[in-house]
Amino acid sequence: MANKKRELFLKRRLRVRNKLKAMANGRARLSVHRSSKNISVQLIDDVKGVTIAAASTLEKEFGLVGKNNVEAASKIGAAIAERAKKAGVETCYFDRGGFLFHGKIKALADAAREGGLKF
C-alpha cells in the first residue's frame, strides 16, 4: 500500500506542475514541501533557475523547529510574502506539489495572500 500511495502522490505532483507550467507566463513559482516534522516554501524563478526567496520552520528565528501544524504554516506563509515583497515579486503561481489543498497547505496559501502575494 505504501508504494501505491507514493505513486499516487508522484502522479498528482506531476499533473499539478505540468498544468501550472503551461500557464506560467514567466511568473515565479511558490513551491511548498511538507514533511512530518517541518514545512518549507520557496519562491523559484524557473526561467533563470534560481530561488528568489525561501522560508522554513527549520529557521531558528521563527522558533518553530520540529513543528508542522496550521499555526506554523501560516507564519511561514506570512514570512514568504514579506520576503517576496523585499525581492520585488508580487505575483506568482502556487505549486502545492502532490499535497492536497487543505489544512496546512491552505493555511500557508491564505497567509501568503494576506501578506500581499497574488496567485
PDB file of N, CA and C in Angstrom:
ATOM      1  N   MET A   1       0.816  -1.193   0.000  1.00  0.00           N
ATOM      2  CA  MET A   1       0.000   0.000   0.000  1.00  0.00           C
ATOM      3  C   MET A   1       0.859   1.257   0.000  1.00  0.00           C
ATOM      4  N   ALA A   2       1.988   1.202   0.676  1.00  0.00           N
ATOM      5  CA  ALA A   2       2.846   2.382   0.738  1.00  0.00           C
ATOM      6  C   ALA A   2       3.328   2.789  -0.645  1.00  0.00           C
ATOM      7  N   ASN A   3       3.662   1.809  -1.470  1.00  0.00           N
ATOM      8  CA  ASN A   3       4.094   2.120  -2.827  1.00  0.00           C
ATOM      9  C   ASN A   3       2.978   2.752  -3.631  1.00  0.00           C
ATOM     10  N   LYS A   4       1.778   2.245  -3.503  1.00  0.00           N
ATOM     11  CA  LYS A   4       0.633   2.778  -4.228  1.00  0.00           C
ATOM     12  C   LYS A   4       0.382   4.237  -3.818  1.00  0.00           C
ATOM     13  N   LYS A   5       0.477   4.503  -2.528  1.00  0.00           N
ATOM     14  CA  LYS A   5       0.257   5.861  -2.031  1.00  0.00           C
ATOM     15  C   LYS A   5       1.324   6.812  -2.579  1.00  0.00           C
ATOM     16  N   ARG A   6       2.555   6.378  -2.593  1.00  0.00           N
ATOM     17  CA  ARG A   6       3.663   7.191  -3.121  1.00  0.00           C
ATOM     18  C   ARG A   6       3.500   7.438  -4.619  1.00  0.00           C
ATOM     19  N   GLU A   7       3.092   6.399  -5.338  1.00  0.00           N
ATOM     20  CA  GLU A   7       2.877   6.547  -6.778  1.00  0.00           C
ATOM     21  C   GLU A   7       1.771   7.553  -7.070  1.00  0.00           C
ATOM     22  N   LEU A   8       0.702   7.517  -6.307  1.00  0.00           N
ATOM     23  CA  LEU A   8      -0.392   8.482  -6.489  1.00  0.00           C
ATOM     24  C   LEU A   8       0.081   9.893  -6.198  1.00  0.00           C
ATOM     25  N   PHE A   9       0.908  10.043  -5.161  1.00  0.00           N
ATOM     26  CA  PHE A   9       1.459  11.357  -4.822  1.00  0.00           C
ATOM     27  C   PHE A   9       2.301  11.892  -5.973  1.00  0.00           C
ATOM     28  N   LEU A  10       3.161  11.060  -6.531  1.00  0.00           N
ATOM     29  CA  LEU A  10       4.036  11.492  -7.622  1.00  0.00           C
ATOM     30  C   LEU A  10       3.239  11.840  -8.884  1.00  0.00           C
ATOM     31  N   LYS A  11       2.209  11.068  -9.185  1.00  0.00           N
ATOM     32  CA  LYS A  11       1.348  11.382 -10.328  1.00  0.00           C
ATOM     33  C   LYS A  11       0.648  12.722 -10.131  1.00  0.00           C
ATOM     34  N   ARG A  12       0.146  12.941  -8.913  1.00  0.00           N
ATOM     35  CA  ARG A  12      -0.543  14.194  -8.600  1.00  0.00           C
ATOM     36  C   ARG A  12       0.418  15.367  -8.711  1.00  0.00           C
ATOM     37  N   ARG A  13       1.652  15.192  -8.228  1.00  0.00           N
ATOM     38  CA  ARG A  13       2.645  16.266  -8.289  1.00  0.00           C
ATOM     39  C   ARG A  13       2.966  16.644  -9.728  1.00  0.00           C
ATOM     40  N   LEU A  14       3.177  15.641 -10.576  1.00  0.00           N
ATOM     41  CA  LEU A  14       3.466  15.915 -11.984  1.00  0.00           C
ATOM     42  C   LEU A  14       2.285  16.583 -12.679  1.00  0.00           C
ATOM     43  N   ARG A  15       1.080  16.119 -12.391  1.00  0.00           N
ATOM     44  CA  ARG A  15      -0.107  16.702 -13.002  1.00  0.00           C
ATOM     45  C   ARG A  15      -0.252  18.175 -12.633  1.00  0.00           C
ATOM     46  N   VAL A  16      -0.074  18.496 -11.366  1.00  0.00           N
ATOM     47  CA  VAL A  16      -0.183  19.884 -10.898  1.00  0.00           C
ATOM     48  C   VAL A  16       0.908  20.745 -11.517  1.00  0.00           C
ATOM     49  N   ARG A  17       2.140  20.265 -11.492  1.00  0.00           N
ATOM     50  CA  ARG A  17       3.258  21.052 -12.001  1.00  0.00           C
ATOM     51  C   ARG A  17       3.156  21.306 -13.494  1.00  0.00           C
ATOM     52  N   ASN A  18       2.741  20.306 -14.267  1.00  0.00           N
ATOM     53  CA  ASN A  18       2.617  20.481 -15.708  1.00  0.00           C
ATOM     54  C   ASN A  18       1.513  21.466 -16.064  1.00  0.00           C
ATOM     55  N   LYS A  19       0.400  21.431 -15.355  1.00  0.00           N
ATOM     56  CA  LYS A  19      -0.670  22.392 -15.599  1.00  0.00           C
ATOM     57  C   LYS A  19      -0.216  23.808 -15.286  1.00  0.00           C
ATOM     58  N   LEU A  20       0.538  23.957 -14.204  1.00  0.00           N
ATOM     59  CA  LEU A  20       0.994  25.288 -13.809  1.00  0.00           C
ATOM     60  C   LEU A  20       2.040  25.841 -14.763  1.00  0.00           C
ATOM     61  N   LYS A  21       2.939  24.990 -15.225  1.00  0.00           N
ATOM     62  CA  LYS A  21       3.971  25.450 -16.156  1.00  0.00           C
ATOM     63  C   LYS A  21       3.374  25.904 -17.476  1.00  0.00           C
ATOM     64  N   ALA A  22       2.255  25.308 -17.871  1.00  0.00           N
ATOM     65  CA  ALA A  22       1.608  25.684 -19.120  1.00  0.00           C
ATOM     66  C   ALA A  22       1.061  27.107 -19.070  1.00  0.00           C
ATOM     67  N   MET A  23       0.688  27.573 -17.885  1.00  0.00           N
ATOM     68  CA  MET A  23       0.134  28.918 -17.768  1.00  0.00           C
ATOM     69  C   MET A  23       1.008  29.846 -16.933  1.00  0.00           C
ATOM     70  N   ALA A  24       2.303  29.585 -16.865  1.00  0.00           N
ATOM     71  CA  ALA A  24       3.210  30.348 -16.010  1.00  0.00           C
ATOM     72  C   ALA A  24       3.443  31.768 -16.506  1.00  0.00           C
ATOM     73  N   ASN A  25       3.665  31.936 -17.805  1.00  0.00           N
ATOM     74  CA  ASN A  25       3.925  33.259 -18.389  1.00  0.00           C
ATOM     75  C   ASN A  25       5.076  33.994 -17.714  1.00  0.00           C
ATOM     76  N   GLY A  26       6.113  33.288 -17.339  1.00  0.00           N
ATOM     77  CA  GLY A  26       7.291  33.924 -16.765  1.00  0.00           C
ATOM     78  C   GLY A  26       7.175  34.294 -15.293  1.00  0.00           C
ATOM     79  N   ARG A  27       6.055  33.956 -14.654  1.00  0.00           N
ATOM     80  CA  ARG A  27       5.900  34.264 -13.230  1.00  0.00           C
ATOM     81  C   ARG A  27       6.716  33.303 -12.380  1.00  0.00           C
ATOM     82  N   ALA A  28       6.989  33.712 -11.172  1.00  0.00           N
ATOM     83  CA  ALA A  28       7.719  32.864 -10.235  1.00  0.00           C
ATOM     84  C   ALA A  28       6.787  31.769  -9.718  1.00  0.00           C
ATOM     85  N   ARG A  29       7.389  30.705  -9.198  1.00  0.00           N
ATOM     86  CA  ARG A  29       6.637  29.568  -8.677  1.00  0.00           C
ATOM     87  C   ARG A  29       6.831  29.500  -7.175  1.00  0.00           C
ATOM     88  N   LEU A  30       5.734  29.440  -6.425  1.00  0.00           N
ATOM     89  CA  LEU A  30       5.775  29.293  -4.974  1.00  0.00           C
ATOM     90  C   LEU A  30       5.608  27.808  -4.666  1.00  0.00           C
ATOM     91  N   SER A  31       6.723  27.135  -4.387  1.00  0.00           N
ATOM     92  CA  SER A  31       6.740  25.691  -4.206  1.00  0.00           C
ATOM     93  C   SER A  31       6.729  25.334  -2.719  1.00  0.00           C
ATOM     94  N   VAL A  32       5.849  24.425  -2.343  1.00  0.00           N
ATOM     95  CA  VAL A  32       5.673  24.035  -0.945  1.00  0.00           C
ATOM     96  C   VAL A  32       6.115  22.599  -0.747  1.00  0.00           C
ATOM     97  N   HIS A  33       6.827  22.360   0.348  1.00  0.00           N
ATOM     98  CA  HIS A  33       7.154  20.986   0.743  1.00  0.00           C
ATOM     99  C   HIS A  33       6.784  20.810   2.203  1.00  0.00           C
ATOM    100  N   ARG A  34       6.086  19.711   2.466  1.00  0.00           N
ATOM    101  CA  ARG A  34       5.642  19.418   3.823  1.00  0.00           C
ATOM    102  C   ARG A  34       6.155  18.036   4.199  1.00  0.00           C
ATOM    103  N   SER A  35       6.861  17.966   5.324  1.00  0.00           N
ATOM    104  CA  SER A  35       7.280  16.669   5.839  1.00  0.00           C
ATOM    105  C   SER A  35       6.499  16.398   7.117  1.00  0.00           C
ATOM    106  N   SER A  36       6.824  15.323   7.786  1.00  0.00           N
ATOM    107  CA  SER A  36       6.094  15.012   9.010  1.00  0.00           C
ATOM    108  C   SER A  36       6.453  15.961  10.153  1.00  0.00           C
ATOM    109  N   LYS A  37       7.635  16.607  10.068  1.00  0.00           N
ATOM    110  CA  LYS A  37       8.061  17.466  11.168  1.00  0.00           C
ATOM    111  C   LYS A  37       8.200  18.935  10.806  1.00  0.00           C
ATOM    112  N   ASN A  38       8.349  19.258   9.539  1.00  0.00           N
ATOM    113  CA  ASN A  38       8.589  20.648   9.140  1.00  0.00           C
ATOM    114  C   ASN A  38       7.833  20.983   7.866  1.00  0.00           C
ATOM    115  N   ILE A  39       7.788  22.286   7.587  1.00  0.00           N
ATOM    116  CA  ILE A  39       7.188  22.756   6.343  1.00  0.00           C
ATOM    117  C   ILE A  39       8.098  23.841   5.783  1.00  0.00           C
ATOM    118  N   SER A  40       8.304  23.809   4.475  1.00  0.00           N
ATOM    119  CA  SER A  40       9.168  24.812   3.852  1.00  0.00           C
ATOM    120  C   SER A  40       8.545  25.264   2.548  1.00  0.00           C
ATOM    121  N   VAL A  41       8.920  26.473   2.132  1.00  0.00           N
ATOM    122  CA  VAL A  41       8.376  27.063   0.920  1.00  0.00           C
ATOM    123  C   VAL A  41       9.474  27.852   0.225  1.00  0.00           C
ATOM    124  N   GLN A  42       9.485  27.802  -1.102  1.00  0.00           N
ATOM    125  CA  GLN A  42      10.477  28.531  -1.896  1.00  0.00           C
ATOM    126  C   GLN A  42       9.767  29.297  -2.998  1.00  0.00           C
ATOM    127  N   LEU A  43      10.282  30.460  -3.304  1.00  0.00           N
ATOM    128  CA  LEU A  43       9.833  31.229  -4.458  1.00  0.00           C
ATOM    129  C   LEU A  43      10.909  31.070  -5.519  1.00  0.00           C
ATOM    130  N   ILE A  44      10.571  30.383  -6.612  1.00  0.00           N
ATOM    131  CA  ILE A  44      11.557  29.969  -7.606  1.00  0.00           C
ATOM    132  C   ILE A  44      11.295  30.647  -8.941  1.00  0.00           C
ATOM    133  N   ASP A  45      12.362  31.168  -9.557  1.00  0.00           N
ATOM    134  CA  ASP A  45      12.286  31.685 -10.922  1.00  0.00           C
ATOM    135  C   ASP A  45      12.740  30.560 -11.839  1.00  0.00           C
ATOM    136  N   ASP A  46      11.797  29.931 -12.531  1.00  0.00           N
ATOM    137  CA  ASP A  46      12.121  28.779 -13.374  1.00  0.00           C
ATOM    138  C   ASP A  46      12.866  29.172 -14.640  1.00  0.00           C
ATOM    139  N   VAL A  47      12.730  30.407 -15.090  1.00  0.00           N
ATOM    140  CA  VAL A  47      13.425  30.848 -16.297  1.00  0.00           C
ATOM    141  C   VAL A  47      14.929  30.896 -16.041  1.00  0.00           C
ATOM    142  N   LYS A  48      15.321  31.518 -14.925  1.00  0.00           N
ATOM    143  CA  LYS A  48      16.737  31.617 -14.562  1.00  0.00           C
ATOM    144  C   LYS A  48      17.227  30.405 -13.781  1.00  0.00           C
ATOM    145  N   GLY A  49      16.309  29.678 -13.175  1.00  0.00           N
ATOM    146  CA  GLY A  49      16.679  28.511 -12.391  1.00  0.00           C
ATOM    147  C   GLY A  49      17.267  28.866 -11.035  1.00  0.00           C
ATOM    148  N   VAL A  50      16.741  29.927 -10.401  1.00  0.00           N
ATOM    149  CA  VAL A  50      17.248  30.355  -9.101  1.00  0.00           C
ATOM    150  C   VAL A  50      16.104  30.492  -8.099  1.00  0.00           C
ATOM    151  N   THR A  51      16.451  30.356  -6.830  1.00  0.00           N
ATOM    152  CA  THR A  51      15.498  30.577  -5.757  1.00  0.00           C
ATOM    153  C   THR A  51      15.555  32.050  -5.368  1.00  0.00           C
ATOM    154  N   ILE A  52      14.421  32.722  -5.412  1.00  0.00           N
ATOM    155  CA  ILE A  52      14.341  34.145  -5.101  1.00  0.00           C
ATOM    156  C   ILE A  52      14.245  34.355  -3.599  1.00  0.00           C
ATOM    157  N   ALA A  53      13.390  33.583  -2.946  1.00  0.00           N
ATOM    158  CA  ALA A  53      13.202  33.695  -1.501  1.00  0.00           C
ATOM    159  C   ALA A  53      12.768  32.334  -0.966  1.00  0.00           C
ATOM    160  N   ALA A  54      13.021  32.113   0.312  1.00  0.00           N
ATOM    161  CA  ALA A  54      12.629  30.851   0.936  1.00  0.00           C
ATOM    162  C   ALA A  54      12.324  31.084   2.409  1.00  0.00           C
ATOM    163  N   ALA A  55      11.502  30.211   2.960  1.00  0.00           N
ATOM    164  CA  ALA A  55      11.191  30.247   4.390  1.00  0.00           C
ATOM    165  C   ALA A  55      10.893  28.822   4.837  1.00  0.00           C
ATOM    166  N   SER A  56      11.251  28.520   6.076  1.00  0.00           N
ATOM    167  CA  SER A  56      11.065  27.169   6.585  1.00  0.00           C
ATOM    168  C   SER A  56      10.933  27.189   8.097  1.00  0.00           C
ATOM    169  N   THR A  57      10.286  26.177   8.645  1.00  0.00           N
ATOM    170  CA  THR A  57      10.206  26.060  10.097  1.00  0.00           C
ATOM    171  C   THR A  57      11.549  25.657  10.685  1.00  0.00           C
ATOM    172  N   LEU A  58      12.510  25.284   9.853  1.00  0.00           N
ATOM    173  CA  LEU A  58      13.844  24.942  10.333  1.00  0.00           C
ATOM    174  C   LEU A  58      14.654  26.177  10.716  1.00  0.00           C
ATOM    175  N   GLU A  59      14.213  27.360  10.309  1.00  0.00           N
ATOM    176  CA  GLU A  59      14.923  28.587  10.654  1.00  0.00           C
ATOM    177  C   GLU A  59      14.681  28.912  12.123  1.00  0.00           C
ATOM    178  N   LYS A  60      15.758  29.183  12.843  1.00  0.00           N
ATOM    179  CA  LYS A  60      15.659  29.394  14.283  1.00  0.00           C
ATOM    180  C   LYS A  60      14.953  30.686  14.653  1.00  0.00           C
ATOM    181  N   GLU A  61      14.933  31.666  13.739  1.00  0.00           N
ATOM    182  CA  GLU A  61      14.294  32.951  14.055  1.00  0.00           C
ATOM    183  C   GLU A  61      12.793  32.826  14.261  1.00  0.00           C
ATOM    184  N   PHE A  62      12.167  31.801  13.675  1.00  0.00           N
ATOM    185  CA  PHE A  62      10.735  31.603  13.858  1.00  0.00           C
ATOM    186  C   PHE A  62      10.421  30.857  15.145  1.00  0.00           C
ATOM    187  N   GLY A  63      11.357  30.068  15.642  1.00  0.00           N
ATOM    188  CA  GLY A  63      11.130  29.275  16.840  1.00  0.00           C
ATOM    189  C   GLY A  63      10.144  28.136  16.610  1.00  0.00           C
ATOM    190  N   LEU A  64      10.107  27.619  15.411  1.00  0.00           N
ATOM    191  CA  LEU A  64       9.147  26.575  15.061  1.00  0.00           C
ATOM    192  C   LEU A  64       9.816  25.268  14.663  1.00  0.00           C
ATOM    193  N   VAL A  65      11.071  25.064  15.032  1.00  0.00           N
ATOM    194  CA  VAL A  65      11.806  23.874  14.606  1.00  0.00           C
ATOM    195  C   VAL A  65      11.084  22.621  15.101  1.00  0.00           C
ATOM    196  N   GLY A  66      10.792  21.737  14.173  1.00  0.00           N
ATOM    197  CA  GLY A  66      10.117  20.496  14.512  1.00  0.00           C
ATOM    198  C   GLY A  66       8.611  20.622  14.621  1.00  0.00           C
ATOM    199  N   LYS A  67       8.065  21.787  14.297  1.00  0.00           N
ATOM    200  CA  LYS A  67       6.615  21.967  14.362  1.00  0.00           C
ATOM    201  C   LYS A  67       6.047  22.008  12.957  1.00  0.00           C
ATOM    202  N   ASN A  68       5.031  21.229  12.750  1.00  0.00           N
ATOM    203  CA  ASN A  68       4.369  21.181  11.455  1.00  0.00           C
ATOM    204  C   ASN A  68       2.870  21.180  11.715  1.00  0.00           C
ATOM    205  N   ASN A  69       2.336  22.358  12.025  1.00  0.00           N
ATOM    206  CA  ASN A  69       0.911  22.477  12.255  1.00  0.00           C
ATOM    207  C   ASN A  69       0.373  23.686  11.495  1.00  0.00           C
ATOM    208  N   VAL A  70      -0.905  23.933  11.594  1.00  0.00           N
ATOM    209  CA  VAL A  70      -1.543  25.009  10.836  1.00  0.00           C
ATOM    210  C   VAL A  70      -0.984  26.362  11.250  1.00  0.00           C
ATOM    211  N   GLU A  71      -0.730  26.551  12.530  1.00  0.00           N
ATOM    212  CA  GLU A  71      -0.188  27.828  13.017  1.00  0.00           C
ATOM    213  C   GLU A  71       1.201  28.088  12.435  1.00  0.00           C
ATOM    214  N   ALA A  72       2.045  27.071  12.428  1.00  0.00           N
ATOM    215  CA  ALA A  72       3.387  27.211  11.863  1.00  0.00           C
ATOM    216  C   ALA A  72       3.313  27.494  10.369  1.00  0.00           C
ATOM    217  N   ALA A  73       2.397  26.845   9.669  1.00  0.00           N
ATOM    218  CA  ALA A  73       2.252  27.057   8.230  1.00  0.00           C
ATOM    219  C   ALA A  73       1.828  28.486   7.922  1.00  0.00           C
ATOM    220  N   SER A  74       0.948  29.047   8.735  1.00  0.00           N
ATOM    221  CA  SER A  74       0.512  30.423   8.483  1.00  0.00           C
ATOM    222  C   SER A  74       1.640  31.414   8.761  1.00  0.00           C
ATOM    223  N   LYS A  75       2.482  31.143   9.736  1.00  0.00           N
ATOM    224  CA  LYS A  75       3.632  32.020   9.993  1.00  0.00           C
ATOM    225  C   LYS A  75       4.631  31.967   8.835  1.00  0.00           C
ATOM    226  N   ILE A  76       4.843  30.782   8.300  1.00  0.00           N
ATOM    227  CA  ILE A  76       5.747  30.623   7.161  1.00  0.00           C
ATOM    228  C   ILE A  76       5.173  31.316   5.931  1.00  0.00           C
ATOM    229  N   GLY A  77       3.872  31.237   5.743  1.00  0.00           N
ATOM    230  CA  GLY A  77       3.224  31.918   4.623  1.00  0.00           C
ATOM    231  C   GLY A  77       3.380  33.423   4.697  1.00  0.00           C
ATOM    232  N   ALA A  78       3.223  33.983   5.896  1.00  0.00           N
ATOM    233  CA  ALA A  78       3.406  35.420   6.079  1.00  0.00           C
ATOM    234  C   ALA A  78       4.862  35.810   5.838  1.00  0.00           C
ATOM    235  N   ALA A  79       5.787  34.965   6.272  1.00  0.00           N
ATOM    236  CA  ALA A  79       7.211  35.256   6.098  1.00  0.00           C
ATOM    237  C   ALA A  79       7.614  35.244   4.626  1.00  0.00           C
ATOM    238  N   ILE A  80       7.103  34.287   3.862  1.00  0.00           N
ATOM    239  CA  ILE A  80       7.479  34.230   2.446  1.00  0.00           C
ATOM    240  C   ILE A  80       6.879  35.402   1.688  1.00  0.00           C
ATOM    241  N   ALA A  81       5.703  35.860   2.093  1.00  0.00           N
ATOM    242  CA  ALA A  81       5.100  37.026   1.442  1.00  0.00           C
ATOM    243  C   ALA A  81       5.952  38.270   1.693  1.00  0.00           C
ATOM    244  N   GLU A  82       6.441  38.413   2.912  1.00  0.00           N
ATOM    245  CA  GLU A  82       7.297  39.556   3.255  1.00  0.00           C
ATOM    246  C   GLU A  82       8.618  39.501   2.488  1.00  0.00           C
ATOM    247  N   ARG A  83       9.219  38.327   2.411  1.00  0.00           N
ATOM    248  CA  ARG A  83      10.491  38.182   1.696  1.00  0.00           C
ATOM    249  C   ARG A  83      10.316  38.362   0.194  1.00  0.00           C
ATOM    250  N   ALA A  84       9.177  37.962  -0.324  1.00  0.00           N
ATOM    251  CA  ALA A  84       8.905  38.154  -1.748  1.00  0.00           C
ATOM    252  C   ALA A  84       8.757  39.636  -2.075  1.00  0.00           C
ATOM    253  N   LYS A  85       8.109  40.370  -1.191  1.00  0.00           N
ATOM    254  CA  LYS A  85       7.975  41.818  -1.401  1.00  0.00           C
ATOM    255  C   LYS A  85       9.342  42.481  -1.421  1.00  0.00           C
ATOM    256  N   LYS A  86      10.227  42.071  -0.520  1.00  0.00           N
ATOM    257  CA  LYS A  86      11.585  42.628  -0.489  1.00  0.00           C
ATOM    258  C   LYS A  86      12.336  42.314  -1.775  1.00  0.00           C
ATOM    259  N   ALA A  87      12.063  41.147  -2.354  1.00  0.00           N
ATOM    260  CA  ALA A  87      12.725  40.748  -3.597  1.00  0.00           C
ATOM    261  C   ALA A  87      12.053  41.366  -4.818  1.00  0.00           C
ATOM    262  N   GLY A  88      10.912  42.035  -4.620  1.00  0.00           N
ATOM    263  CA  GLY A  88      10.224  42.693  -5.726  1.00  0.00           C
ATOM    264  C   GLY A  88       9.267  41.803  -6.490  1.00  0.00           C
ATOM    265  N   VAL A  89       8.808  40.726  -5.882  1.00  0.00           N
ATOM    266  CA  VAL A  89       7.870  39.815  -6.531  1.00  0.00           C
ATOM    267  C   VAL A  89       6.488  40.024  -5.922  1.00  0.00           C
ATOM    268  N   GLU A  90       5.504  40.294  -6.774  1.00  0.00           N
ATOM    269  CA  GLU A  90       4.139  40.472  -6.284  1.00  0.00           C
ATOM    270  C   GLU A  90       3.204  39.369  -6.755  1.00  0.00           C
ATOM    271  N   THR A  91       3.483  38.816  -7.941  1.00  0.00           N
ATOM    272  CA  THR A  91       2.621  37.748  -8.462  1.00  0.00           C
ATOM    273  C   THR A  91       3.438  36.485  -8.678  1.00  0.00           C
ATOM    274  N   CYS A  92       2.810  35.374  -8.431  1.00  0.00           N
ATOM    275  CA  CYS A  92       3.441  34.080  -8.634  1.00  0.00           C
ATOM    276  C   CYS A  92       2.336  33.063  -8.847  1.00  0.00           C
ATOM    277  N   TYR A  93       2.695  31.818  -9.021  1.00  0.00           N
ATOM    278  CA  TYR A  93       1.688  30.774  -9.031  1.00  0.00           C
ATOM    279  C   TYR A  93       2.036  29.766  -7.956  1.00  0.00           C
ATOM    280  N   PHE A  94       1.012  29.184  -7.368  1.00  0.00           N
ATOM    281  CA  PHE A  94       1.143  28.329  -6.194  1.00  0.00           C
ATOM    282  C   PHE A  94       1.296  26.874  -6.619  1.00  0.00           C
ATOM    283  N   ASP A  95       2.457  26.305  -6.342  1.00  0.00           N
ATOM    284  CA  ASP A  95       2.741  24.909  -6.657  1.00  0.00           C
ATOM    285  C   ASP A  95       2.651  24.099  -5.369  1.00  0.00           C
ATOM    286  N   ARG A  96       1.530  23.452  -5.179  1.00  0.00           N
ATOM    287  CA  ARG A  96       1.330  22.671  -3.965  1.00  0.00           C
ATOM    288  C   ARG A  96       1.975  21.299  -4.055  1.00  0.00           C
ATOM    289  N   GLY A  97       2.590  21.001  -5.188  1.00  0.00           N
ATOM    290  CA  GLY A  97       3.198  19.692  -5.381  1.00  0.00           C
ATOM    291  C   GLY A  97       2.131  18.632  -5.417  1.00  0.00           C
ATOM    292  N   GLY A  98       2.331  17.554  -4.746  1.00  0.00           N
ATOM    293  CA  GLY A  98       1.338  16.493  -4.695  1.00  0.00           C
ATOM    294  C   GLY A  98       0.462  16.567  -3.469  1.00  0.00           C
ATOM    295  N   PHE A  99       0.637  17.606  -2.665  1.00  0.00           N
ATOM    296  CA  PHE A  99      -0.127  17.742  -1.428  1.00  0.00           C
ATOM    297  C   PHE A  99      -1.520  18.281  -1.723  1.00  0.00           C
ATOM    298  N   LEU A 100      -2.498  17.800  -0.996  1.00  0.00           N
ATOM    299  CA  LEU A 100      -3.857  18.266  -1.169  1.00  0.00           C
ATOM    300  C   LEU A 100      -4.007  19.670  -0.596  1.00  0.00           C
ATOM    301  N   PHE A 101      -4.870  20.471  -1.218  1.00  0.00           N
ATOM    302  CA  PHE A 101      -5.039  21.865  -0.801  1.00  0.00           C
ATOM    303  C   PHE A 101      -6.060  21.938   0.331  1.00  0.00           C
ATOM    304  N   HIS A 102      -5.630  21.569   1.516  1.00  0.00           N
ATOM    305  CA  HIS A 102      -6.429  21.757   2.721  1.00  0.00           C
ATOM    306  C   HIS A 102      -5.493  21.723   3.915  1.00  0.00           C
ATOM    307  N   GLY A 103      -5.961  22.142   5.047  1.00  0.00           N
ATOM    308  CA  GLY A 103      -5.167  22.111   6.264  1.00  0.00           C
ATOM    309  C   GLY A 103      -3.974  23.043   6.211  1.00  0.00           C
ATOM    310  N   LYS A 104      -2.792  22.483   6.384  1.00  0.00           N
ATOM    311  CA  LYS A 104      -1.560  23.271   6.466  1.00  0.00           C
ATOM    312  C   LYS A 104      -1.250  23.990   5.161  1.00  0.00           C
ATOM    313  N   ILE A 105      -1.461  23.324   4.033  1.00  0.00           N
ATOM    314  CA  ILE A 105      -1.162  23.929   2.735  1.00  0.00           C
ATOM    315  C   ILE A 105      -2.098  25.111   2.492  1.00  0.00           C
ATOM    316  N   LYS A 106      -3.360  24.960   2.829  1.00  0.00           N
ATOM    317  CA  LYS A 106      -4.332  26.044   2.664  1.00  0.00           C
ATOM    318  C   LYS A 106      -4.009  27.202   3.595  1.00  0.00           C
ATOM    319  N   ALA A 107      -3.607  26.911   4.829  1.00  0.00           N
ATOM    320  CA  ALA A 107      -3.249  27.960   5.782  1.00  0.00           C
ATOM    321  C   ALA A 107      -2.046  28.752   5.289  1.00  0.00           C
ATOM    322  N   LEU A 108      -1.062  28.062   4.730  1.00  0.00           N
ATOM    323  CA  LEU A 108       0.115  28.732   4.184  1.00  0.00           C
ATOM    324  C   LEU A 108      -0.278  29.641   3.012  1.00  0.00           C
ATOM    325  N   ALA A 109      -1.111  29.142   2.108  1.00  0.00           N
ATOM    326  CA  ALA A 109      -1.538  29.924   0.951  1.00  0.00           C
ATOM    327  C   ALA A 109      -2.343  31.157   1.377  1.00  0.00           C
ATOM    328  N   ASP A 110      -3.240  30.981   2.333  1.00  0.00           N
ATOM    329  CA  ASP A 110      -4.057  32.108   2.796  1.00  0.00           C
ATOM    330  C   ASP A 110      -3.199  33.174   3.465  1.00  0.00           C
ATOM    331  N   ALA A 111      -2.210  32.757   4.256  1.00  0.00           N
ATOM    332  CA  ALA A 111      -1.322  33.719   4.915  1.00  0.00           C
ATOM    333  C   ALA A 111      -0.470  34.469   3.900  1.00  0.00           C
ATOM    334  N   ALA A 112      -0.028  33.773   2.853  1.00  0.00           N
ATOM    335  CA  ALA A 112       0.771  34.423   1.804  1.00  0.00           C
ATOM    336  C   ALA A 112      -0.088  35.438   1.042  1.00  0.00           C
ATOM    337  N   ARG A 113      -1.350  35.092   0.786  1.00  0.00           N
ATOM    338  CA  ARG A 113      -2.253  36.034   0.116  1.00  0.00           C
ATOM    339  C   ARG A 113      -2.498  37.264   0.977  1.00  0.00           C
ATOM    340  N   GLU A 114      -2.706  37.053   2.275  1.00  0.00           N
ATOM    341  CA  GLU A 114      -2.917  38.167   3.189  1.00  0.00           C
ATOM    342  C   GLU A 114      -1.686  39.050   3.270  1.00  0.00           C
ATOM    343  N   GLY A 115      -0.514  38.448   3.088  1.00  0.00           N
ATOM    344  CA  GLY A 115       0.742  39.190   3.123  1.00  0.00           C
ATOM    345  C   GLY A 115       0.996  40.005   1.865  1.00  0.00           C
ATOM    346  N   GLY A 116       0.191  39.786   0.823  1.00  0.00           N
ATOM    347  CA  GLY A 116       0.326  40.608  -0.372  1.00  0.00           C
ATOM    348  C   GLY A 116       0.686  39.863  -1.639  1.00  0.00           C
ATOM    349  N   LEU A 117       0.969  38.575  -1.565  1.00  0.00           N
ATOM    350  CA  LEU A 117       1.264  37.811  -2.780  1.00  0.00           C
ATOM    351  C   LEU A 117      -0.039  37.528  -3.533  1.00  0.00           C
ATOM    352  N   LYS A 118       0.032  37.609  -4.847  1.00  0.00           N
ATOM    353  CA  LYS A 118      -1.144  37.328  -5.674  1.00  0.00           C
ATOM    354  C   LYS A 118      -0.891  36.069  -6.478  1.00  0.00           C
ATOM    355  N   PHE A 119      -1.786  35.092  -6.318  1.00  0.00           N
ATOM    356  CA  PHE A 119      -1.740  33.866  -7.112  1.00  0.00           C
ATOM    357  C   PHE A 119      -3.106  33.263  -7.181  1.00  0.00           C
TER     358      PHE A 119
END
